[in-house]
Amino acid sequence: MSRRLTVLMPFQTPFYTPLAAGVALGHFEEQGLDVTAVPAPVFGRPTMDALLGGDIEISLGGLMRSFELADRTGQIVVHFAEVCSRNGFFLVAREPRPDFRWTDLVGRTVLSFAEAPTPWQCMLTVLRRHGVDPARVKIERHRPGPEAVAAFVRGEGDFLEQPQPAIERLVAEGAAHIVASMGEATGPLPFSSYMTTPEFLAREPDVVARFTRAAYRTQRWLAEHDAAAVARAIAPAFPETERPLLERAVGRYLAQHTWARDPLLRREGFDHLERILLDGGLIRRGRPYEVLVNTAIARSVMAEAR
């Protein structure tokens, strides 16, 4: 009998293709897991609240969420498998800007992403890295994604920062032009990963191991297939997104090496993200890598596959 698991993700996006692909390709099912992927807004509770409340046992989301939780309450949520190794957001303008420079944002308004703080924190780091004082850029984060997109189309703001497929749709409609990939600008870091509570990890390590085994198989599959094959596999999860548009979004993510090739969340990426969150003021102090990250299961699963 399959073990049922509802896995929450912060929102529905091709950025989280590794989860959608794992479900669609039957990789979780092969491990005896009946996995249903659900966006948090549809589920009705944020990922962290659902995990801590016992409504779910595994979630997909940012390591930032565990840093913030530990800083605010001292509670620990453990990340056991890396999923997205790059920022999945893009910065667009209304007109082509082939000579875009980050100084172009000075005195301008960026309609940013309200649903999570990591894109905003990464933007602050990128601006500082290019010699731009973030205080000189107006970054608005009070509107949910669809409202921010609609406002941009109406003529509000100068730039828009969102994930796929919203960006690809705007580009296809001629309403926006990509000026920067935030994944390329930010550089490699463990942007999203699978997480669970220490209690569940201790109680059912076999379930977490089987889940990680399926995730690793999906990662290897993604590394071996092109955008058309990936889009075809995940299309059922995105019924409202036209296949050509979905394929272009996936292709853009593949081209910048967005998805992790293995489940091991490495210390270097952890340290990079921690520094971004400290410099941005989201957290007051960091946490030891060994406290927020479990590498034993990922290492074991990777060793099995050799």
C-alpha atoms as a PDB file:
ATOM      1  CA  MET A   1       0.000   0.000   0.000  1.00  0.00           C
ATOM      2  CA  SER A   2       1.364   3.417  -0.982  1.00  0.00           C
ATOM      3  CA  ARG A   3       2.265   5.952   1.675  1.00  0.00           C
ATOM      4  CA  ARG A   4       0.285   9.115   0.955  1.00  0.00           C
ATOM      5  CA  LEU A   5       2.034  12.471   1.165  1.00  0.00           C
ATOM      6  CA  THR A   6       0.740  15.947   0.422  1.00  0.00           C
ATOM      7  CA  VAL A   7       3.691  18.167  -0.453  1.00  0.00           C
ATOM      8  CA  LEU A   8       3.092  21.905  -0.307  1.00  0.00           C
ATOM      9  CA  MET A   9       4.871  24.471  -2.469  1.00  0.00           C
ATOM     10  CA  PRO A  10       4.572  28.240  -1.930  1.00  0.00           C
ATOM     11  CA  PHE A  11       2.863  28.818  -5.303  1.00  0.00           C
ATOM     12  CA  GLN A  12       2.330  27.117  -8.667  1.00  0.00           C
ATOM     13  CA  THR A  13       5.200  27.737 -11.083  1.00  0.00           C
ATOM     14  CA  PRO A  14       7.421  25.867 -13.565  1.00  0.00           C
ATOM     15  CA  PHE A  15      10.260  26.922 -11.246  1.00  0.00           C
ATOM     16  CA  TYR A  16       9.192  23.920  -9.164  1.00  0.00           C
ATOM     17  CA  THR A  17       9.372  21.564 -12.140  1.00  0.00           C
ATOM     18  CA  PRO A  18      11.373  18.909 -10.207  1.00  0.00           C
ATOM     19  CA  LEU A  19       8.340  18.244  -7.989  1.00  0.00           C
ATOM     20  CA  ALA A  20       5.822  18.230 -10.843  1.00  0.00           C
ATOM     21  CA  ALA A  21       8.094  16.021 -12.945  1.00  0.00           C
ATOM     22  CA  GLY A  22       8.682  13.562 -10.124  1.00  0.00           C
ATOM     23  CA  VAL A  23       4.945  13.113  -9.716  1.00  0.00           C
ATOM     24  CA  ALA A  24       4.186  12.951 -13.453  1.00  0.00           C
ATOM     25  CA  LEU A  25       6.960  10.497 -14.270  1.00  0.00           C
ATOM     26  CA  GLY A  26       5.981   8.114 -11.478  1.00  0.00           C
ATOM     27  CA  HIS A  27       9.300   8.372  -9.656  1.00  0.00           C
ATOM     28  CA  PHE A  28       7.636   8.829  -6.263  1.00  0.00           C
ATOM     29  CA  GLU A  29       5.167   6.071  -7.034  1.00  0.00           C
ATOM     30  CA  GLU A  30       8.054   3.703  -7.755  1.00  0.00           C
ATOM     31  CA  GLN A  31       9.198   4.313  -4.187  1.00  0.00           C
ATOM     32  CA  GLY A  32       5.805   3.435  -2.765  1.00  0.00           C
ATOM     33  CA  LEU A  33       4.794   7.060  -2.252  1.00  0.00           C
ATOM     34  CA  ASP A  34       1.502   8.580  -3.384  1.00  0.00           C
ATOM     35  CA  VAL A  35       2.589  12.225  -3.653  1.00  0.00           C
ATOM     36  CA  THR A  36       0.192  15.076  -4.322  1.00  0.00           C
ATOM     37  CA  ALA A  37       1.746  18.492  -4.956  1.00  0.00           C
ATOM     38  CA  VAL A  38      -0.428  21.391  -3.792  1.00  0.00           C
ATOM     39  CA  PRO A  39       0.226  25.171  -3.857  1.00  0.00           C
ATOM     40  CA  ALA A  40      -0.092  26.662  -0.374  1.00  0.00           C
ATOM     41  CA  PRO A  41      -2.848  29.128  -1.414  1.00  0.00           C
ATOM     42  CA  VAL A  42      -4.978  26.209  -2.617  1.00  0.00           C
ATOM     43  CA  PHE A  43      -4.257  24.211   0.540  1.00  0.00           C
ATOM     44  CA  GLY A  44      -5.247  27.199   2.645  1.00  0.00           C
ATOM     45  CA  ARG A  45      -2.186  27.444   4.895  1.00  0.00           C
ATOM     46  CA  PRO A  46       1.389  28.692   4.406  1.00  0.00           C
ATOM     47  CA  THR A  47       3.986  25.955   4.059  1.00  0.00           C
ATOM     48  CA  MET A  48       5.605  26.526   7.452  1.00  0.00           C
ATOM     49  CA  ASP A  49       2.300  26.729   9.303  1.00  0.00           C
ATOM     50  CA  ALA A  50       1.139  23.493   7.688  1.00  0.00           C
ATOM     51  CA  LEU A  51       4.377  21.701   8.564  1.00  0.00           C
ATOM     52  CA  LEU A  52       4.510  22.879  12.156  1.00  0.00           C
ATOM     53  CA  GLY A  53       0.793  22.233  12.612  1.00  0.00           C
ATOM     54  CA  GLY A  54       1.122  18.634  11.466  1.00  0.00           C
ATOM     55  CA  ASP A  55      -1.165  19.069   8.449  1.00  0.00           C
ATOM     56  CA  ILE A  56       1.606  17.911   6.119  1.00  0.00           C
ATOM     57  CA  GLU A  57       4.942  16.167   6.565  1.00  0.00           C
ATOM     58  CA  ILE A  58       7.110  17.451   3.701  1.00  0.00           C
ATOM     59  CA  SER A  59       7.179  20.837   2.006  1.00  0.00           C
ATOM     60  CA  LEU A  60       9.056  22.466  -0.840  1.00  0.00           C
ATOM     61  CA  GLY A  61      10.281  25.949  -0.104  1.00  0.00           C
ATOM     62  CA  GLY A  62      13.143  28.263   0.689  1.00  0.00           C
ATOM     63  CA  LEU A  63      15.835  27.683   3.269  1.00  0.00           C
ATOM     64  CA  MET A  64      15.130  31.317   4.071  1.00  0.00           C
ATOM     65  CA  ARG A  65      11.943  30.172   5.786  1.00  0.00           C
ATOM     66  CA  SER A  66      13.885  28.036   8.252  1.00  0.00           C
ATOM     67  CA  PHE A  67      16.416  30.795   8.896  1.00  0.00           C
ATOM     68  CA  GLU A  68      13.588  33.226   9.637  1.00  0.00           C
ATOM     69  CA  LEU A  69      11.648  30.772  11.803  1.00  0.00           C
ATOM     70  CA  ALA A  70      14.709  29.870  13.867  1.00  0.00           C
ATOM     71  CA  ASP A  71      15.621  33.531  14.272  1.00  0.00           C
ATOM     72  CA  ARG A  72      12.101  34.504  15.318  1.00  0.00           C
ATOM     73  CA  THR A  73      11.015  31.537  17.460  1.00  0.00           C
ATOM     74  CA  GLY A  74      13.950  29.159  17.906  1.00  0.00           C
ATOM     75  CA  GLN A  75      11.979  26.369  16.187  1.00  0.00           C
ATOM     76  CA  ILE A  76      13.817  24.203  13.685  1.00  0.00           C
ATOM     77  CA  VAL A  77      12.675  22.871  10.307  1.00  0.00           C
ATOM     78  CA  VAL A  78      15.229  20.678   8.532  1.00  0.00           C
ATOM     79  CA  HIS A  79      16.083  20.761   4.807  1.00  0.00           C
ATOM     80  CA  PHE A  80      17.143  17.390   3.412  1.00  0.00           C
ATOM     81  CA  ALA A  81      17.272  17.757  -0.387  1.00  0.00           C
ATOM     82  CA  GLU A  82      18.134  20.690  -2.623  1.00  0.00           C
ATOM     83  CA  VAL A  83      15.707  21.346  -5.489  1.00  0.00           C
ATOM     84  CA  CYS A  84      16.388  24.754  -7.071  1.00  0.00           C
ATOM     85  CA  SER A  85      20.005  25.915  -7.206  1.00  0.00           C
ATOM     86  CA  ARG A  86      19.258  29.324  -8.670  1.00  0.00           C
ATOM     87  CA  ASN A  87      16.913  32.231  -8.115  1.00  0.00           C
ATOM     88  CA  GLY A  88      13.955  31.619 -10.465  1.00  0.00           C
ATOM     89  CA  PHE A  89      12.880  35.230 -10.989  1.00  0.00           C
ATOM     90  CA  PHE A  90      13.350  37.615 -13.901  1.00  0.00           C
ATOM     91  CA  LEU A  91      13.428  41.401 -14.163  1.00  0.00           C
ATOM     92  CA  VAL A  92      11.539  42.951 -17.075  1.00  0.00           C
ATOM     93  CA  ALA A  93      10.962  46.419 -18.523  1.00  0.00           C
ATOM     94  CA  ARG A  94       8.385  47.673 -21.018  1.00  0.00           C
ATOM     95  CA  GLU A  95      10.975  48.421 -23.674  1.00  0.00           C
ATOM     96  CA  PRO A  96      14.059  46.486 -24.783  1.00  0.00           C
ATOM     97  CA  ARG A  97      17.162  47.458 -22.815  1.00  0.00           C
ATOM     98  CA  PRO A  98      20.066  45.646 -24.475  1.00  0.00           C
ATOM     99  CA  ASP A  99      22.551  47.788 -22.526  1.00  0.00           C
ATOM    100  CA  PHE A 100      20.836  47.368 -19.162  1.00  0.00           C
ATOM    101  CA  ARG A 101      22.879  48.294 -16.111  1.00  0.00           C
ATOM    102  CA  TRP A 102      21.811  47.943 -12.492  1.00  0.00           C
ATOM    103  CA  THR A 103      22.294  51.685 -12.077  1.00  0.00           C
ATOM    104  CA  ASP A 104      19.273  52.009 -14.399  1.00  0.00           C
ATOM    105  CA  LEU A 105      17.122  51.163 -11.363  1.00  0.00           C
ATOM    106  CA  VAL A 106      18.186  54.249  -9.416  1.00  0.00           C
ATOM    107  CA  GLY A 107      15.177  56.511  -8.894  1.00  0.00           C
ATOM    108  CA  ARG A 108      12.880  53.932 -10.506  1.00  0.00           C
ATOM    109  CA  THR A 109      10.096  51.721  -9.131  1.00  0.00           C
ATOM    110  CA  VAL A 110      10.349  47.926  -9.222  1.00  0.00           C
ATOM    111  CA  LEU A 111       7.113  46.008  -8.732  1.00  0.00           C
ATOM    112  CA  SER A 112       8.540  43.011  -6.920  1.00  0.00           C
ATOM    113  CA  PHE A 113       7.238  39.709  -5.564  1.00  0.00           C
ATOM    114  CA  ALA A 114       5.144  39.910  -2.396  1.00  0.00           C
ATOM    115  CA  GLU A 115       4.697  36.218  -1.601  1.00  0.00           C
ATOM    116  CA  ALA A 116       8.231  35.504  -0.354  1.00  0.00           C
ATOM    117  CA  PRO A 117      11.156  37.653   0.822  1.00  0.00           C
ATOM    118  CA  THR A 118      14.035  35.722  -0.784  1.00  0.00           C
ATOM    119  CA  PRO A 119      13.719  37.358  -4.254  1.00  0.00           C
ATOM    120  CA  TRP A 120      13.723  40.776  -2.574  1.00  0.00           C
ATOM    121  CA  GLN A 121      16.739  39.863  -0.419  1.00  0.00           C
ATOM    122  CA  CYS A 122      18.611  38.649  -3.493  1.00  0.00           C
ATOM    123  CA  MET A 123      17.774  41.894  -5.307  1.00  0.00           C
ATOM    124  CA  LEU A 124      19.265  43.910  -2.436  1.00  0.00           C
ATOM    125  CA  THR A 125      22.467  41.867  -2.643  1.00  0.00           C
ATOM    126  CA  VAL A 126      22.721  42.229  -6.431  1.00  0.00           C
ATOM    127  CA  LEU A 127      22.205  45.991  -6.208  1.00  0.00           C
ATOM    128  CA  ARG A 128      24.904  46.380  -3.541  1.00  0.00           C
ATOM    129  CA  ARG A 129      27.258  44.139  -5.552  1.00  0.00           C
ATOM    130  CA  HIS A 130      26.910  46.548  -8.484  1.00  0.00           C
ATOM    131  CA  GLY A 131      27.472  49.636  -6.387  1.00  0.00           C
ATOM    132  CA  VAL A 132      23.820  50.654  -6.114  1.00  0.00           C
ATOM    133  CA  ASP A 133      22.417  51.728  -2.756  1.00  0.00           C
ATOM    134  CA  PRO A 134      19.094  49.836  -2.448  1.00  0.00           C
ATOM    135  CA  ALA A 135      17.619  52.876  -0.703  1.00  0.00           C
ATOM    136  CA  ARG A 136      17.804  54.667  -4.067  1.00  0.00           C
ATOM    137  CA  VAL A 137      15.474  52.117  -5.681  1.00  0.00           C
ATOM    138  CA  LYS A 138      11.772  51.966  -4.824  1.00  0.00           C
ATOM    139  CA  ILE A 139      10.924  48.284  -4.431  1.00  0.00           C
ATOM    140  CA  GLU A 140       7.212  47.653  -3.980  1.00  0.00           C
ATOM    141  CA  ARG A 141       6.219  44.309  -2.450  1.00  0.00           C
ATOM    142  CA  HIS A 142       2.651  44.833  -1.255  1.00  0.00           C
ATOM    143  CA  ARG A 143       0.773  43.315  -4.225  1.00  0.00           C
ATOM    144  CA  PRO A 144       0.388  39.573  -4.905  1.00  0.00           C
ATOM    145  CA  GLY A 145       1.969  38.415  -8.161  1.00  0.00           C
ATOM    146  CA  PRO A 146      -1.085  38.604 -10.438  1.00  0.00           C
ATOM    147  CA  GLU A 147      -1.931  42.092  -9.144  1.00  0.00           C
ATOM    148  CA  ALA A 148       1.650  43.278  -9.627  1.00  0.00           C
ATOM    149  CA  VAL A 149       1.628  41.964 -13.198  1.00  0.00           C
ATOM    150  CA  ALA A 150      -1.709  43.667 -13.916  1.00  0.00           C
ATOM    151  CA  ALA A 151      -0.423  46.932 -12.454  1.00  0.00           C
ATOM    152  CA  PHE A 152       2.697  46.775 -14.631  1.00  0.00           C
ATOM    153  CA  VAL A 153       0.594  46.165 -17.745  1.00  0.00           C
ATOM    154  CA  ARG A 154      -1.535  49.202 -16.787  1.00  0.00           C
ATOM    155  CA  GLY A 155       1.581  51.336 -16.774  1.00  0.00           C
ATOM    156  CA  GLU A 156       2.470  51.381 -13.073  1.00  0.00           C
ATOM    157  CA  GLY A 157       6.092  51.021 -12.020  1.00  0.00           C
ATOM    158  CA  ASP A 158       9.143  50.967 -14.271  1.00  0.00           C
ATOM    159  CA  PHE A 159      10.304  47.370 -13.826  1.00  0.00           C
ATOM    160  CA  LEU A 160       8.645  44.119 -12.777  1.00  0.00           C
ATOM    161  CA  GLU A 161      10.201  41.116 -11.013  1.00  0.00           C
ATOM    162  CA  GLN A 162       8.281  37.822 -11.184  1.00  0.00           C
ATOM    163  CA  PRO A 163       8.809  34.093 -11.823  1.00  0.00           C
ATOM    164  CA  GLN A 164       7.601  31.958 -14.722  1.00  0.00           C
ATOM    165  CA  PRO A 165       5.165  31.556 -16.430  1.00  0.00           C
ATOM    166  CA  ALA A 166       4.038  35.170 -15.874  1.00  0.00           C
ATOM    167  CA  ILE A 167       7.258  36.515 -17.389  1.00  0.00           C
ATOM    168  CA  GLU A 168       7.093  34.315 -20.483  1.00  0.00           C
ATOM    169  CA  ARG A 169       3.477  35.315 -21.096  1.00  0.00           C
ATOM    170  CA  LEU A 170       4.290  39.038 -20.895  1.00  0.00           C
ATOM    171  CA  VAL A 171       7.205  38.570 -23.288  1.00  0.00           C
ATOM    172  CA  ALA A 172       5.050  36.592 -25.735  1.00  0.00           C
ATOM    173  CA  GLU A 173       2.420  39.338 -25.653  1.00  0.00           C
ATOM    174  CA  GLY A 174       5.019  42.039 -26.279  1.00  0.00           C
ATOM    175  CA  ALA A 175       4.144  43.670 -22.956  1.00  0.00           C
ATOM    176  CA  ALA A 176       7.595  43.206 -21.431  1.00  0.00           C
ATOM    177  CA  HIS A 177      11.226  42.546 -22.262  1.00  0.00           C
ATOM    178  CA  ILE A 178      13.613  40.620 -20.019  1.00  0.00           C
ATOM    179  CA  VAL A 179      16.506  42.798 -18.894  1.00  0.00           C
ATOM    180  CA  ALA A 180      18.027  40.459 -16.294  1.00  0.00           C
ATOM    181  CA  SER A 181      17.821  36.911 -15.030  1.00  0.00           C
ATOM    182  CA  MET A 182      17.948  37.099 -11.258  1.00  0.00           C
ATOM    183  CA  GLY A 183      19.260  33.538 -11.269  1.00  0.00           C
ATOM    184  CA  GLU A 184      22.321  34.598 -13.237  1.00  0.00           C
ATOM    185  CA  ALA A 185      22.693  37.859 -11.327  1.00  0.00           C
ATOM    186  CA  THR A 186      22.461  36.243  -7.875  1.00  0.00           C
ATOM    187  CA  GLY A 187      24.601  33.217  -8.676  1.00  0.00           C
ATOM    188  CA  PRO A 188      24.301  29.639  -7.377  1.00  0.00           C
ATOM    189  CA  LEU A 189      22.571  29.202  -4.027  1.00  0.00           C
ATOM    190  CA  PRO A 190      20.090  26.709  -2.502  1.00  0.00           C
ATOM    191  CA  PHE A 191      17.000  28.759  -3.340  1.00  0.00           C
ATOM    192  CA  SER A 192      14.451  25.963  -2.760  1.00  0.00           C
ATOM    193  CA  SER A 193      14.637  22.575  -1.065  1.00  0.00           C
ATOM    194  CA  TYR A 194      12.532  19.840   0.487  1.00  0.00           C
ATOM    195  CA  MET A 195      12.049  20.255   4.220  1.00  0.00           C
ATOM    196  CA  THR A 196      10.425  18.524   7.157  1.00  0.00           C
ATOM    197  CA  THR A 197      10.313  18.661  10.934  1.00  0.00           C
ATOM    198  CA  PRO A 198      13.015  16.980  13.035  1.00  0.00           C
ATOM    199  CA  GLU A 199      10.233  14.884  14.586  1.00  0.00           C
ATOM    200  CA  PHE A 200       9.092  13.438  11.253  1.00  0.00           C
ATOM    201  CA  LEU A 201      12.686  12.848  10.170  1.00  0.00           C
ATOM    202  CA  ALA A 202      13.319  10.856  13.362  1.00  0.00           C
ATOM    203  CA  ARG A 203       9.985   9.014  13.210  1.00  0.00           C
ATOM    204  CA  GLU A 204       9.950   8.007   9.541  1.00  0.00           C
ATOM    205  CA  PRO A 205      13.462   8.230   8.102  1.00  0.00           C
ATOM    206  CA  ASP A 206      12.606   5.519   5.575  1.00  0.00           C
ATOM    207  CA  VAL A 207       9.857   7.673   4.056  1.00  0.00           C
ATOM    208  CA  VAL A 208      12.247  10.617   3.755  1.00  0.00           C
ATOM    209  CA  ALA A 209      14.882   8.343   2.202  1.00  0.00           C
ATOM    210  CA  ARG A 210      12.422   6.975  -0.363  1.00  0.00           C
ATOM    211  CA  PHE A 211      11.251  10.510  -1.136  1.00  0.00           C
ATOM    212  CA  THR A 212      14.860  11.646  -1.642  1.00  0.00           C
ATOM    213  CA  ARG A 213      15.582   8.617  -3.829  1.00  0.00           C
ATOM    214  CA  ALA A 214      12.683   9.594  -6.096  1.00  0.00           C
ATOM    215  CA  ALA A 215      13.784  13.234  -6.102  1.00  0.00           C
ATOM    216  CA  TYR A 216      17.306  12.231  -7.145  1.00  0.00           C
ATOM    217  CA  ARG A 217      16.012  10.072  -9.984  1.00  0.00           C
ATOM    218  CA  THR A 218      13.964  13.058 -11.191  1.00  0.00           C
ATOM    219  CA  GLN A 219      17.009  15.322 -11.010  1.00  0.00           C
ATOM    220  CA  ARG A 220      18.973  12.931 -13.215  1.00  0.00           C
ATOM    221  CA  TRP A 221      16.067  12.677 -15.650  1.00  0.00           C
ATOM    222  CA  LEU A 222      15.831  16.469 -15.934  1.00  0.00           C
ATOM    223  CA  ALA A 223      19.560  16.698 -16.611  1.00  0.00           C
ATOM    224  CA  GLU A 224      19.198  14.303 -19.559  1.00  0.00           C
ATOM    225  CA  HIS A 225      16.147  15.791 -21.307  1.00  0.00           C
ATOM    226  CA  ASP A 226      15.452  18.938 -23.289  1.00  0.00           C
ATOM    227  CA  ALA A 227      12.817  21.611 -22.725  1.00  0.00           C
ATOM    228  CA  ALA A 228      10.273  19.957 -25.025  1.00  0.00           C
ATOM    229  CA  ALA A 229      10.426  16.639 -23.163  1.00  0.00           C
ATOM    230  CA  VAL A 230      10.281  18.323 -19.759  1.00  0.00           C
ATOM    231  CA  ALA A 231       7.363  20.555 -20.748  1.00  0.00           C
ATOM    232  CA  ARG A 232       5.509  17.537 -22.112  1.00  0.00           C
ATOM    233  CA  ALA A 233       5.993  15.684 -18.814  1.00  0.00           C
ATOM    234  CA  ILE A 234       4.816  18.513 -16.558  1.00  0.00           C
ATOM    235  CA  ALA A 235       2.041  19.867 -18.813  1.00  0.00           C
ATOM    236  CA  PRO A 236      -0.768  18.223 -16.767  1.00  0.00           C
ATOM    237  CA  ALA A 237       0.278  20.345 -13.774  1.00  0.00           C
ATOM    238  CA  PHE A 238      -0.091  23.536 -15.855  1.00  0.00           C
ATOM    239  CA  PRO A 239      -3.357  23.177 -17.787  1.00  0.00           C
ATOM    240  CA  GLU A 240      -3.739  26.954 -18.158  1.00  0.00           C
ATOM    241  CA  THR A 241      -0.303  27.447 -19.722  1.00  0.00           C
ATOM    242  CA  GLU A 242       0.033  26.876 -23.460  1.00  0.00           C
ATOM    243  CA  ARG A 243       2.637  24.220 -24.325  1.00  0.00           C
ATOM    244  CA  PRO A 244       4.925  26.502 -26.400  1.00  0.00           C
ATOM    245  CA  LEU A 245       4.953  29.056 -23.589  1.00  0.00           C
ATOM    246  CA  LEU A 246       5.643  26.364 -20.972  1.00  0.00           C
ATOM    247  CA  GLU A 247       8.445  24.979 -23.107  1.00  0.00           C
ATOM    248  CA  ARG A 248      10.095  28.392 -23.393  1.00  0.00           C
ATOM    249  CA  ALA A 249       9.857  28.910 -19.629  1.00  0.00           C
ATOM    250  CA  VAL A 250      11.391  25.492 -18.970  1.00  0.00           C
ATOM    251  CA  GLY A 251      14.078  26.152 -21.563  1.00  0.00           C
ATOM    252  CA  ARG A 252      15.060  29.372 -19.852  1.00  0.00           C
ATOM    253  CA  TYR A 253      15.356  27.576 -16.516  1.00  0.00           C
ATOM    254  CA  LEU A 254      17.383  24.742 -18.047  1.00  0.00           C
ATOM    255  CA  ALA A 255      19.756  27.165 -19.746  1.00  0.00           C
ATOM    256  CA  GLN A 256      20.762  28.800 -16.471  1.00  0.00           C
ATOM    257  CA  HIS A 257      21.126  25.488 -14.584  1.00  0.00           C
ATOM    258  CA  THR A 258      18.249  26.282 -12.263  1.00  0.00           C
ATOM    259  CA  TRP A 259      17.633  22.773 -10.960  1.00  0.00           C
ATOM    260  CA  ALA A 260      19.971  20.857  -8.689  1.00  0.00           C
ATOM    261  CA  ARG A 261      21.714  17.849 -10.247  1.00  0.00           C
ATOM    262  CA  ASP A 262      21.699  15.970  -6.938  1.00  0.00           C
ATOM    263  CA  PRO A 263      19.921  16.350  -3.571  1.00  0.00           C
ATOM    264  CA  LEU A 264      22.955  17.379  -1.512  1.00  0.00           C
ATOM    265  CA  LEU A 265      22.498  20.894  -0.082  1.00  0.00           C
ATOM    266  CA  ARG A 266      26.094  22.003   0.267  1.00  0.00           C
ATOM    267  CA  ARG A 267      27.623  24.246   2.914  1.00  0.00           C
ATOM    268  CA  GLU A 268      28.949  26.789   0.394  1.00  0.00           C
ATOM    269  CA  GLY A 269      25.459  27.591  -0.880  1.00  0.00           C
ATOM    270  CA  PHE A 270      24.091  27.640   2.662  1.00  0.00           C
ATOM    271  CA  ASP A 271      26.712  30.192   3.704  1.00  0.00           C
ATOM    272  CA  HIS A 272      25.996  32.340   0.636  1.00  0.00           C
ATOM    273  CA  LEU A 273      22.270  32.476   1.377  1.00  0.00           C
ATOM    274  CA  GLU A 274      22.857  33.120   5.069  1.00  0.00           C
ATOM    275  CA  ARG A 275      25.033  36.106   4.208  1.00  0.00           C
ATOM    276  CA  ILE A 276      22.351  37.487   1.857  1.00  0.00           C
ATOM    277  CA  LEU A 277      19.711  37.261   4.607  1.00  0.00           C
ATOM    278  CA  LEU A 278      21.988  38.803   7.240  1.00  0.00           C
ATOM    279  CA  ASP A 279      23.070  41.649   4.965  1.00  0.00           C
ATOM    280  CA  GLY A 280      19.435  42.294   3.997  1.00  0.00           C
ATOM    281  CA  GLY A 281      18.353  42.427   7.643  1.00  0.00           C
ATOM    282  CA  LEU A 282      15.818  39.598   7.329  1.00  0.00           C
ATOM    283  CA  ILE A 283      17.535  37.701  10.144  1.00  0.00           C
ATOM    284  CA  ARG A 284      19.591  38.936  13.065  1.00  0.00           C
ATOM    285  CA  ARG A 285      21.837  35.902  13.373  1.00  0.00           C
ATOM    286  CA  GLY A 286      22.567  32.760  11.443  1.00  0.00           C
ATOM    287  CA  ARG A 287      22.290  29.118  12.414  1.00  0.00           C
ATOM    288  CA  PRO A 288      24.803  26.260  12.110  1.00  0.00           C
ATOM    289  CA  TYR A 289      24.634  24.390   8.815  1.00  0.00           C
ATOM    290  CA  GLU A 290      24.312  21.081  10.690  1.00  0.00           C
ATOM    291  CA  VAL A 291      21.198  22.322  12.513  1.00  0.00           C
ATOM    292  CA  LEU A 292      19.138  23.395   9.497  1.00  0.00           C
ATOM    293  CA  VAL A 293      20.448  20.884   6.948  1.00  0.00           C
ATOM    294  CA  ASN A 294      20.469  17.075   7.044  1.00  0.00           C
ATOM    295  CA  THR A 295      22.950  15.679   4.515  1.00  0.00           C
ATOM    296  CA  ALA A 296      23.024  12.053   5.675  1.00  0.00           C
ATOM    297  CA  ILE A 297      20.025  10.932   3.633  1.00  0.00           C
ATOM    298  CA  ALA A 298      21.138  12.711   0.454  1.00  0.00           C
ATOM    299  CA  ARG A 299      24.645  11.273   0.752  1.00  0.00           C
ATOM    300  CA  SER A 300      23.275   7.779   1.299  1.00  0.00           C
ATOM    301  CA  VAL A 301      20.919   8.001  -1.681  1.00  0.00           C
ATOM    302  CA  MET A 302      23.686   9.338  -3.918  1.00  0.00           C
ATOM    303  CA  ALA A 303      26.040   6.554  -2.828  1.00  0.00           C
ATOM    304  CA  GLU A 304      23.399   3.929  -3.712  1.00  0.00           C
ATOM    305  CA  ALA A 305      23.201   5.252  -7.267  1.00  0.00           C
ATOM    306  CA  ARG A 306      26.904   4.973  -8.006  1.00  0.00           C
END
